[in-house]
Amino acid sequence: MDMVNPTMDELLKKVDSKYTLVVLAAKRARQLLDGAELKVTMKSTKNVTNALEEIIEDRIKYERTKEVVK
């Protein structure tokens, strides 16, 4: 079985909830799909994996508002 890197435990230390993690990763993956520049050394061909790598390396910041995650 393959190890998933970064691990869920590591990722949850970077955000305030699993919900925030999912929304943040999905939003960033869509930006990468649309042509945004990658902020880390590409470790995968998959946008979601690269988005998670950016989150774990603190390259992605977010702001929680009452309505949405920015």
C-alpha atoms as a PDB file:
ATOM      1  CA  MET A   1       0.000   0.000   0.000  1.00  0.00           C
ATOM      2  CA  ASP A   2       1.280   3.473  -0.896  1.00  0.00           C
ATOM      3  CA  MET A   3       1.819   6.098   1.766  1.00  0.00           C
ATOM      4  CA  VAL A   4      -0.091   9.302   1.193  1.00  0.00           C
ATOM      5  CA  ASN A   5       2.157  12.320   1.526  1.00  0.00           C
ATOM      6  CA  PRO A   6       1.555  14.702   3.088  1.00  0.00           C
ATOM      7  CA  THR A   7      -0.405  12.856   5.781  1.00  0.00           C
ATOM      8  CA  MET A   8      -3.805  13.977   6.972  1.00  0.00           C
ATOM      9  CA  ASP A   9      -2.407  14.664  10.455  1.00  0.00           C
ATOM     10  CA  GLU A  10       0.233  17.022   9.012  1.00  0.00           C
ATOM     11  CA  LEU A  11      -2.327  18.797   6.845  1.00  0.00           C
ATOM     12  CA  LEU A  12      -4.804  19.313   9.678  1.00  0.00           C
ATOM     13  CA  LYS A  13      -2.123  21.184  11.633  1.00  0.00           C
ATOM     14  CA  LYS A  14      -2.133  23.809   8.853  1.00  0.00           C
ATOM     15  CA  VAL A  15      -5.898  24.500   8.786  1.00  0.00           C
ATOM     16  CA  ASP A  16      -8.730  24.829  11.283  1.00  0.00           C
ATOM     17  CA  SER A  17     -10.900  21.931  10.052  1.00  0.00           C
ATOM     18  CA  LYS A  18     -11.239  19.125   7.531  1.00  0.00           C
ATOM     19  CA  TYR A  19     -13.859  21.208   5.731  1.00  0.00           C
ATOM     20  CA  THR A  20     -11.405  24.073   5.293  1.00  0.00           C
ATOM     21  CA  LEU A  21      -8.764  21.658   4.004  1.00  0.00           C
ATOM     22  CA  VAL A  22     -11.096  20.226   1.370  1.00  0.00           C
ATOM     23  CA  VAL A  23     -12.307  23.635   0.192  1.00  0.00           C
ATOM     24  CA  LEU A  24      -8.800  25.098   0.142  1.00  0.00           C
ATOM     25  CA  ALA A  25      -7.286  22.155  -1.756  1.00  0.00           C
ATOM     26  CA  ALA A  26     -10.140  22.053  -4.280  1.00  0.00           C
ATOM     27  CA  LYS A  27      -9.994  25.801  -4.901  1.00  0.00           C
ATOM     28  CA  ARG A  28      -6.213  25.724  -5.397  1.00  0.00           C
ATOM     29  CA  ALA A  29      -6.395  22.624  -7.626  1.00  0.00           C
ATOM     30  CA  ARG A  30      -8.887  24.455  -9.864  1.00  0.00           C
ATOM     31  CA  GLN A  31      -6.533  27.437 -10.052  1.00  0.00           C
ATOM     32  CA  LEU A  32      -3.686  25.120 -11.107  1.00  0.00           C
ATOM     33  CA  LEU A  33      -5.931  23.485 -13.694  1.00  0.00           C
ATOM     34  CA  ASP A  34      -6.713  26.949 -15.075  1.00  0.00           C
ATOM     35  CA  GLY A  35      -2.997  27.689 -15.489  1.00  0.00           C
ATOM     36  CA  ALA A  36      -1.888  29.257 -12.199  1.00  0.00           C
ATOM     37  CA  GLU A  37       1.813  28.985 -11.451  1.00  0.00           C
ATOM     38  CA  LEU A  38       2.849  26.235  -9.031  1.00  0.00           C
ATOM     39  CA  LYS A  39       4.390  27.544  -5.789  1.00  0.00           C
ATOM     40  CA  VAL A  40       6.394  24.378  -4.992  1.00  0.00           C
ATOM     41  CA  THR A  41       8.607  21.995  -6.914  1.00  0.00           C
ATOM     42  CA  MET A  42       6.243  19.792  -8.880  1.00  0.00           C
ATOM     43  CA  LYS A  43       6.138  16.371  -7.220  1.00  0.00           C
ATOM     44  CA  SER A  44       3.091  15.056  -9.050  1.00  0.00           C
ATOM     45  CA  THR A  45       1.144  15.446 -12.250  1.00  0.00           C
ATOM     46  CA  LYS A  46      -2.052  15.734 -10.206  1.00  0.00           C
ATOM     47  CA  ASN A  47      -3.282  19.192  -9.264  1.00  0.00           C
ATOM     48  CA  VAL A  48      -4.855  18.121  -5.963  1.00  0.00           C
ATOM     49  CA  THR A  49      -1.590  16.530  -4.802  1.00  0.00           C
ATOM     50  CA  ASN A  50       0.339  19.663  -5.740  1.00  0.00           C
ATOM     51  CA  ALA A  51      -2.236  21.822  -3.945  1.00  0.00           C
ATOM     52  CA  LEU A  52      -1.807  19.726  -0.781  1.00  0.00           C
ATOM     53  CA  GLU A  53       1.978  20.076  -1.058  1.00  0.00           C
ATOM     54  CA  GLU A  54       1.565  23.856  -1.265  1.00  0.00           C
ATOM     55  CA  ILE A  55      -0.641  23.810   1.843  1.00  0.00           C
ATOM     56  CA  ILE A  56       1.809  21.703   3.859  1.00  0.00           C
ATOM     57  CA  GLU A  57       4.704  23.997   2.887  1.00  0.00           C
ATOM     58  CA  ASP A  58       2.715  27.094   3.962  1.00  0.00           C
ATOM     59  CA  ARG A  59       2.668  28.494   0.429  1.00  0.00           C
ATOM     60  CA  ILE A  60      -1.116  28.851   0.521  1.00  0.00           C
ATOM     61  CA  LYS A  61      -2.814  31.163   3.005  1.00  0.00           C
ATOM     62  CA  TYR A  62      -6.513  31.401   3.687  1.00  0.00           C
ATOM     63  CA  GLU A  63      -8.900  33.647   5.526  1.00  0.00           C
ATOM     64  CA  ARG A  64     -12.051  32.326   7.149  1.00  0.00           C
ATOM     65  CA  THR A  65     -15.028  34.648   6.816  1.00  0.00           C
ATOM     66  CA  LYS A  66     -18.589  34.066   7.914  1.00  0.00           C
ATOM     67  CA  GLU A  67     -19.641  33.010   4.422  1.00  0.00           C
ATOM     68  CA  VAL A  68     -16.612  31.441   2.701  1.00  0.00           C
ATOM     69  CA  VAL A  69     -12.956  30.518   2.831  1.00  0.00           C
ATOM     70  CA  LYS A  70     -10.883  33.038   0.837  1.00  0.00           C
END
